[in-house]
Amino acid sequence: MNWLKNIKIKTKITTSFILVALLVGVVGFIGSKNIQKVDYNSGLIVTDNIAPLQQMTTVRYNIMHIKYNMTLILDVKNKNQIDTLDKTINDLVDKNNTFISDYDNIPDPKVPSETNILESKTYEDFKKDLVKYREQRGKVIDIVKSGKYEDATEASKEYLTLQDKVIDELTTIVNCNMKE
């Protein structure tokens, strides 16, 4: 310990300053690396959770809007607005196709969880049911355009069943994304 007492104060202060500077540098380097990890993981949250959640929520909203327009189409009082309502429905379908295409392009998680597996299965069912739903909706619109409202009301029963199924599947997909 005597050797420490024999060192000049200038040397002690300089050495202490260098050690503190090195310690601050190490802490800064470790902090920088951790900030990079946080940045990367927050990007994953946006691409893996928030974007799909927003897309599927918008698709569900658009389908609800289509449901409203179909209610108007099936009403005899609105027979002069059928083409306008049909165009609105087709515009919403185009928007949904864009969102669904974007959703398809989102990469699968590296480590699938039980929620991811449920979401994937439900999404595959949704795509199959969406095709059936759109076909049935088209049939109902064609029947309405021919002026057969009673037949359209009868045909709309299957359409409404498919629509409820599609909305339930979208709700499950949204809930799976919210859990993660």
C-alpha atoms as a PDB file:
ATOM      1  CA  MET A   1       0.000   0.000   0.000  1.00  0.00           C
ATOM      2  CA  ASN A   2       2.957   2.296   0.469  1.00  0.00           C
ATOM      3  CA  TRP A   3       3.549   2.417  -3.249  1.00  0.00           C
ATOM      4  CA  LEU A   4       0.092   4.070  -3.610  1.00  0.00           C
ATOM      5  CA  LYS A   5       1.076   6.736  -1.085  1.00  0.00           C
ATOM      6  CA  ASN A   6       4.311   7.364  -2.962  1.00  0.00           C
ATOM      7  CA  ILE A   7       2.552   8.134  -6.288  1.00  0.00           C
ATOM      8  CA  LYS A   8       2.050  11.791  -7.070  1.00  0.00           C
ATOM      9  CA  ILE A   9      -1.466  13.228  -6.818  1.00  0.00           C
ATOM     10  CA  LYS A  10      -1.312  14.213 -10.507  1.00  0.00           C
ATOM     11  CA  THR A  11      -0.789  10.583 -11.504  1.00  0.00           C
ATOM     12  CA  LYS A  12      -3.558   9.376  -9.179  1.00  0.00           C
ATOM     13  CA  ILE A  13      -6.088  11.850 -10.604  1.00  0.00           C
ATOM     14  CA  THR A  14      -5.081  11.109 -14.204  1.00  0.00           C
ATOM     15  CA  THR A  15      -5.354   7.355 -13.629  1.00  0.00           C
ATOM     16  CA  SER A  16      -8.731   7.754 -11.908  1.00  0.00           C
ATOM     17  CA  PHE A  17      -9.999   9.932 -14.755  1.00  0.00           C
ATOM     18  CA  ILE A  18      -8.882   7.380 -17.371  1.00  0.00           C
ATOM     19  CA  LEU A  19     -10.545   4.501 -15.454  1.00  0.00           C
ATOM     20  CA  VAL A  20     -13.816   6.459 -15.131  1.00  0.00           C
ATOM     21  CA  ALA A  21     -13.687   7.368 -18.837  1.00  0.00           C
ATOM     22  CA  LEU A  22     -13.166   3.708 -19.754  1.00  0.00           C
ATOM     23  CA  LEU A  23     -16.051   2.690 -17.501  1.00  0.00           C
ATOM     24  CA  VAL A  24     -18.332   5.307 -19.112  1.00  0.00           C
ATOM     25  CA  GLY A  25     -17.247   4.091 -22.563  1.00  0.00           C
ATOM     26  CA  VAL A  26     -18.068   0.455 -21.727  1.00  0.00           C
ATOM     27  CA  VAL A  27     -21.468   1.424 -20.286  1.00  0.00           C
ATOM     28  CA  GLY A  28     -22.172   3.558 -23.378  1.00  0.00           C
ATOM     29  CA  PHE A  29     -21.218   0.713 -25.728  1.00  0.00           C
ATOM     30  CA  ILE A  30     -23.455  -1.768 -23.896  1.00  0.00           C
ATOM     31  CA  GLY A  31     -26.303   0.780 -23.877  1.00  0.00           C
ATOM     32  CA  SER A  32     -25.888   1.404 -27.591  1.00  0.00           C
ATOM     33  CA  LYS A  33     -26.099  -2.317 -28.354  1.00  0.00           C
ATOM     34  CA  ASN A  34     -29.235  -2.653 -26.212  1.00  0.00           C
ATOM     35  CA  ILE A  35     -30.861   0.320 -27.947  1.00  0.00           C
ATOM     36  CA  GLN A  36     -30.209  -1.385 -31.279  1.00  0.00           C
ATOM     37  CA  LYS A  37     -31.969  -4.507 -29.988  1.00  0.00           C
ATOM     38  CA  VAL A  38     -34.934  -2.440 -28.807  1.00  0.00           C
ATOM     39  CA  ASP A  39     -35.119  -0.712 -32.199  1.00  0.00           C
ATOM     40  CA  TYR A  40     -35.065  -4.048 -34.030  1.00  0.00           C
ATOM     41  CA  ASN A  41     -37.698  -5.586 -31.758  1.00  0.00           C
ATOM     42  CA  SER A  42     -39.976  -2.554 -32.013  1.00  0.00           C
ATOM     43  CA  GLY A  43     -39.782  -2.882 -35.799  1.00  0.00           C
ATOM     44  CA  LEU A  44     -40.872  -6.506 -35.455  1.00  0.00           C
ATOM     45  CA  ILE A  45     -43.809  -5.439 -33.312  1.00  0.00           C
ATOM     46  CA  VAL A  46     -44.949  -3.040 -36.013  1.00  0.00           C
ATOM     47  CA  THR A  47     -44.579  -5.496 -38.900  1.00  0.00           C
ATOM     48  CA  ASP A  48     -45.729  -8.626 -37.057  1.00  0.00           C
ATOM     49  CA  ASN A  49     -48.534  -7.246 -34.901  1.00  0.00           C
ATOM     50  CA  ILE A  50     -49.703  -3.704 -35.548  1.00  0.00           C
ATOM     51  CA  ALA A  51     -49.803  -3.816 -39.364  1.00  0.00           C
ATOM     52  CA  PRO A  52     -51.771  -7.098 -39.541  1.00  0.00           C
ATOM     53  CA  LEU A  53     -54.068  -5.896 -36.785  1.00  0.00           C
ATOM     54  CA  GLN A  54     -54.793  -2.682 -38.676  1.00  0.00           C
ATOM     55  CA  GLN A  55     -55.276  -4.508 -41.987  1.00  0.00           C
ATOM     56  CA  MET A  56     -57.662  -7.137 -40.686  1.00  0.00           C
ATOM     57  CA  THR A  57     -59.602  -4.594 -38.625  1.00  0.00           C
ATOM     58  CA  THR A  58     -60.093  -2.506 -41.768  1.00  0.00           C
ATOM     59  CA  VAL A  59     -61.175  -5.577 -43.760  1.00  0.00           C
ATOM     60  CA  ARG A  60     -63.704  -6.401 -41.034  1.00  0.00           C
ATOM     61  CA  TYR A  61     -64.978  -2.805 -41.042  1.00  0.00           C
ATOM     62  CA  ASN A  62     -65.331  -2.881 -44.843  1.00  0.00           C
ATOM     63  CA  ILE A  63     -67.282  -6.133 -44.687  1.00  0.00           C
ATOM     64  CA  MET A  64     -69.606  -4.561 -42.133  1.00  0.00           C
ATOM     65  CA  HIS A  65     -70.063  -1.633 -44.527  1.00  0.00           C
ATOM     66  CA  ILE A  66     -70.824  -4.099 -47.340  1.00  0.00           C
ATOM     67  CA  LYS A  67     -73.368  -5.747 -45.037  1.00  0.00           C
ATOM     68  CA  TYR A  68     -75.088  -2.389 -44.610  1.00  0.00           C
ATOM     69  CA  ASN A  69     -75.090  -1.767 -48.373  1.00  0.00           C
ATOM     70  CA  MET A  70     -76.512  -5.240 -49.002  1.00  0.00           C
ATOM     71  CA  THR A  71     -79.332  -4.461 -46.579  1.00  0.00           C
ATOM     72  CA  LEU A  72     -80.096  -1.383 -48.659  1.00  0.00           C
ATOM     73  CA  ILE A  73     -79.920  -3.375 -51.905  1.00  0.00           C
ATOM     74  CA  LEU A  74     -82.411  -5.927 -50.592  1.00  0.00           C
ATOM     75  CA  ASP A  75     -84.887  -3.158 -49.769  1.00  0.00           C
ATOM     76  CA  VAL A  76     -87.355  -2.566 -52.633  1.00  0.00           C
ATOM     77  CA  LYS A  77     -87.423   1.158 -51.816  1.00  0.00           C
ATOM     78  CA  ASN A  78     -83.805   1.488 -52.974  1.00  0.00           C
ATOM     79  CA  LYS A  79     -84.148  -0.145 -56.402  1.00  0.00           C
ATOM     80  CA  ASN A  80     -82.965   3.062 -58.104  1.00  0.00           C
ATOM     81  CA  GLN A  81     -79.714   2.997 -56.135  1.00  0.00           C
ATOM     82  CA  ILE A  82     -78.691  -0.604 -56.809  1.00  0.00           C
ATOM     83  CA  ASP A  83     -75.932   0.273 -59.285  1.00  0.00           C
ATOM     84  CA  THR A  84     -74.469   2.921 -56.973  1.00  0.00           C
ATOM     85  CA  LEU A  85     -74.534   0.561 -53.999  1.00  0.00           C
ATOM     86  CA  ASP A  86     -73.030  -2.230 -56.112  1.00  0.00           C
ATOM     87  CA  LYS A  87     -70.203   0.103 -57.177  1.00  0.00           C
ATOM     88  CA  THR A  88     -69.580   1.041 -53.531  1.00  0.00           C
ATOM     89  CA  ILE A  89     -69.427  -2.647 -52.627  1.00  0.00           C
ATOM     90  CA  ASN A  90     -66.966  -3.331 -55.459  1.00  0.00           C
ATOM     91  CA  ASP A  91     -64.759  -0.442 -54.290  1.00  0.00           C
ATOM     92  CA  LEU A  92     -64.717  -1.891 -50.780  1.00  0.00           C
ATOM     93  CA  VAL A  93     -63.894  -5.339 -52.186  1.00  0.00           C
ATOM     94  CA  ASP A  94     -60.933  -3.830 -54.082  1.00  0.00           C
ATOM     95  CA  LYS A  95     -59.675  -2.199 -50.879  1.00  0.00           C
ATOM     96  CA  ASN A  96     -60.078  -5.478 -49.011  1.00  0.00           C
ATOM     97  CA  ASN A  97     -58.137  -7.314 -51.720  1.00  0.00           C
ATOM     98  CA  THR A  98     -55.272  -4.862 -51.245  1.00  0.00           C
ATOM     99  CA  PHE A  99     -55.256  -5.332 -47.472  1.00  0.00           C
ATOM    100  CA  ILE A 100     -55.462  -9.113 -47.793  1.00  0.00           C
ATOM    101  CA  SER A 101     -52.596  -9.117 -50.300  1.00  0.00           C
ATOM    102  CA  ASP A 102     -50.498  -7.012 -47.906  1.00  0.00           C
ATOM    103  CA  TYR A 103     -51.377  -9.392 -45.071  1.00  0.00           C
ATOM    104  CA  ASP A 104     -50.256 -12.349 -47.192  1.00  0.00           C
ATOM    105  CA  ASN A 105     -46.855 -10.692 -47.644  1.00  0.00           C
ATOM    106  CA  ILE A 106     -46.159 -10.448 -43.906  1.00  0.00           C
ATOM    107  CA  PRO A 107     -43.529 -13.053 -43.001  1.00  0.00           C
ATOM    108  CA  ASP A 108     -44.454 -15.855 -40.635  1.00  0.00           C
ATOM    109  CA  PRO A 109     -42.906 -15.662 -37.167  1.00  0.00           C
ATOM    110  CA  LYS A 110     -39.656 -17.548 -36.668  1.00  0.00           C
ATOM    111  CA  VAL A 111     -41.011 -19.317 -33.610  1.00  0.00           C
ATOM    112  CA  PRO A 112     -44.736 -19.976 -34.051  1.00  0.00           C
ATOM    113  CA  SER A 113     -46.800 -19.833 -30.893  1.00  0.00           C
ATOM    114  CA  GLU A 114     -50.162 -21.412 -30.228  1.00  0.00           C
ATOM    115  CA  THR A 115     -51.753 -18.063 -31.095  1.00  0.00           C
ATOM    116  CA  ASN A 116     -49.876 -17.904 -34.416  1.00  0.00           C
ATOM    117  CA  ILE A 117     -51.010 -21.402 -35.317  1.00  0.00           C
ATOM    118  CA  LEU A 118     -54.644 -20.523 -34.534  1.00  0.00           C
ATOM    119  CA  GLU A 119     -54.313 -17.304 -36.539  1.00  0.00           C
ATOM    120  CA  SER A 120     -52.847 -19.151 -39.559  1.00  0.00           C
ATOM    121  CA  LYS A 121     -55.546 -21.817 -39.515  1.00  0.00           C
ATOM    122  CA  THR A 122     -58.313 -19.244 -39.123  1.00  0.00           C
ATOM    123  CA  TYR A 123     -56.829 -17.138 -41.915  1.00  0.00           C
ATOM    124  CA  GLU A 124     -56.830 -20.101 -44.317  1.00  0.00           C
ATOM    125  CA  ASP A 125     -60.472 -20.801 -43.418  1.00  0.00           C
ATOM    126  CA  PHE A 126     -61.245 -17.100 -43.873  1.00  0.00           C
ATOM    127  CA  LYS A 127     -59.801 -17.059 -47.396  1.00  0.00           C
ATOM    128  CA  LYS A 128     -61.876 -20.091 -48.407  1.00  0.00           C
ATOM    129  CA  ASP A 129     -65.054 -18.723 -46.871  1.00  0.00           C
ATOM    130  CA  LEU A 130     -64.441 -15.274 -48.353  1.00  0.00           C
ATOM    131  CA  VAL A 131     -64.582 -16.737 -51.863  1.00  0.00           C
ATOM    132  CA  LYS A 132     -67.890 -18.481 -51.098  1.00  0.00           C
ATOM    133  CA  TYR A 133     -69.222 -15.324 -49.423  1.00  0.00           C
ATOM    134  CA  ARG A 134     -68.391 -13.146 -52.427  1.00  0.00           C
ATOM    135  CA  GLU A 135     -69.931 -15.631 -54.861  1.00  0.00           C
ATOM    136  CA  GLN A 136     -73.152 -15.794 -52.879  1.00  0.00           C
ATOM    137  CA  ARG A 137     -73.271 -11.997 -52.532  1.00  0.00           C
ATOM    138  CA  GLY A 138     -72.878 -11.684 -56.304  1.00  0.00           C
ATOM    139  CA  LYS A 139     -75.755 -14.111 -56.838  1.00  0.00           C
ATOM    140  CA  VAL A 140     -77.986 -12.102 -54.498  1.00  0.00           C
ATOM    141  CA  ILE A 141     -77.131  -8.843 -56.292  1.00  0.00           C
ATOM    142  CA  ASP A 142     -77.850 -10.434 -59.677  1.00  0.00           C
ATOM    143  CA  ILE A 143     -81.243 -11.667 -58.447  1.00  0.00           C
ATOM    144  CA  VAL A 144     -82.057  -8.187 -57.122  1.00  0.00           C
ATOM    145  CA  LYS A 145     -81.029  -6.587 -60.416  1.00  0.00           C
ATOM    146  CA  SER A 146     -83.478  -8.896 -62.186  1.00  0.00           C
ATOM    147  CA  GLY A 147     -86.230  -7.530 -59.914  1.00  0.00           C
ATOM    148  CA  LYS A 148     -86.924 -10.746 -57.981  1.00  0.00           C
ATOM    149  CA  TYR A 149     -86.771  -9.377 -54.439  1.00  0.00           C
ATOM    150  CA  GLU A 150     -88.492 -12.349 -52.800  1.00  0.00           C
ATOM    151  CA  ASP A 151     -86.011 -14.771 -54.390  1.00  0.00           C
ATOM    152  CA  ALA A 152     -83.171 -12.463 -53.370  1.00  0.00           C
ATOM    153  CA  THR A 153     -84.374 -12.442 -49.779  1.00  0.00           C
ATOM    154  CA  GLU A 154     -84.421 -16.236 -49.796  1.00  0.00           C
ATOM    155  CA  ALA A 155     -80.944 -16.435 -51.377  1.00  0.00           C
ATOM    156  CA  SER A 156     -79.612 -13.893 -48.897  1.00  0.00           C
ATOM    157  CA  LYS A 157     -80.058 -16.357 -46.010  1.00  0.00           C
ATOM    158  CA  GLU A 158     -77.029 -18.381 -47.124  1.00  0.00           C
ATOM    159  CA  TYR A 159     -75.168 -15.158 -47.859  1.00  0.00           C
ATOM    160  CA  LEU A 160     -75.837 -13.857 -44.331  1.00  0.00           C
ATOM    161  CA  THR A 161     -74.665 -17.140 -42.804  1.00  0.00           C
ATOM    162  CA  LEU A 162     -71.402 -16.937 -44.772  1.00  0.00           C
ATOM    163  CA  GLN A 163     -71.028 -13.284 -43.885  1.00  0.00           C
ATOM    164  CA  ASP A 164     -71.360 -13.988 -40.171  1.00  0.00           C
ATOM    165  CA  LYS A 165     -68.794 -16.774 -40.497  1.00  0.00           C
ATOM    166  CA  VAL A 166     -66.328 -14.468 -42.303  1.00  0.00           C
ATOM    167  CA  ILE A 167     -66.793 -11.733 -39.687  1.00  0.00           C
ATOM    168  CA  ASP A 168     -66.255 -14.253 -36.866  1.00  0.00           C
ATOM    169  CA  GLU A 169     -63.051 -15.484 -38.514  1.00  0.00           C
ATOM    170  CA  LEU A 170     -61.806 -11.914 -38.905  1.00  0.00           C
ATOM    171  CA  THR A 171     -62.595 -11.262 -35.250  1.00  0.00           C
ATOM    172  CA  THR A 172     -60.544 -14.322 -34.276  1.00  0.00           C
ATOM    173  CA  ILE A 173     -57.610 -13.137 -36.414  1.00  0.00           C
ATOM    174  CA  VAL A 174     -57.774  -9.649 -34.865  1.00  0.00           C
ATOM    175  CA  ASN A 175     -57.952 -11.113 -31.355  1.00  0.00           C
ATOM    176  CA  CYS A 176     -54.937 -13.345 -32.053  1.00  0.00           C
ATOM    177  CA  ASN A 177     -52.937 -10.297 -33.138  1.00  0.00           C
ATOM    178  CA  MET A 178     -54.003  -8.387 -30.054  1.00  0.00           C
ATOM    179  CA  LYS A 179     -52.819 -11.201 -27.740  1.00  0.00           C
ATOM    180  CA  GLU A 180     -49.269 -11.070 -29.050  1.00  0.00           C
END
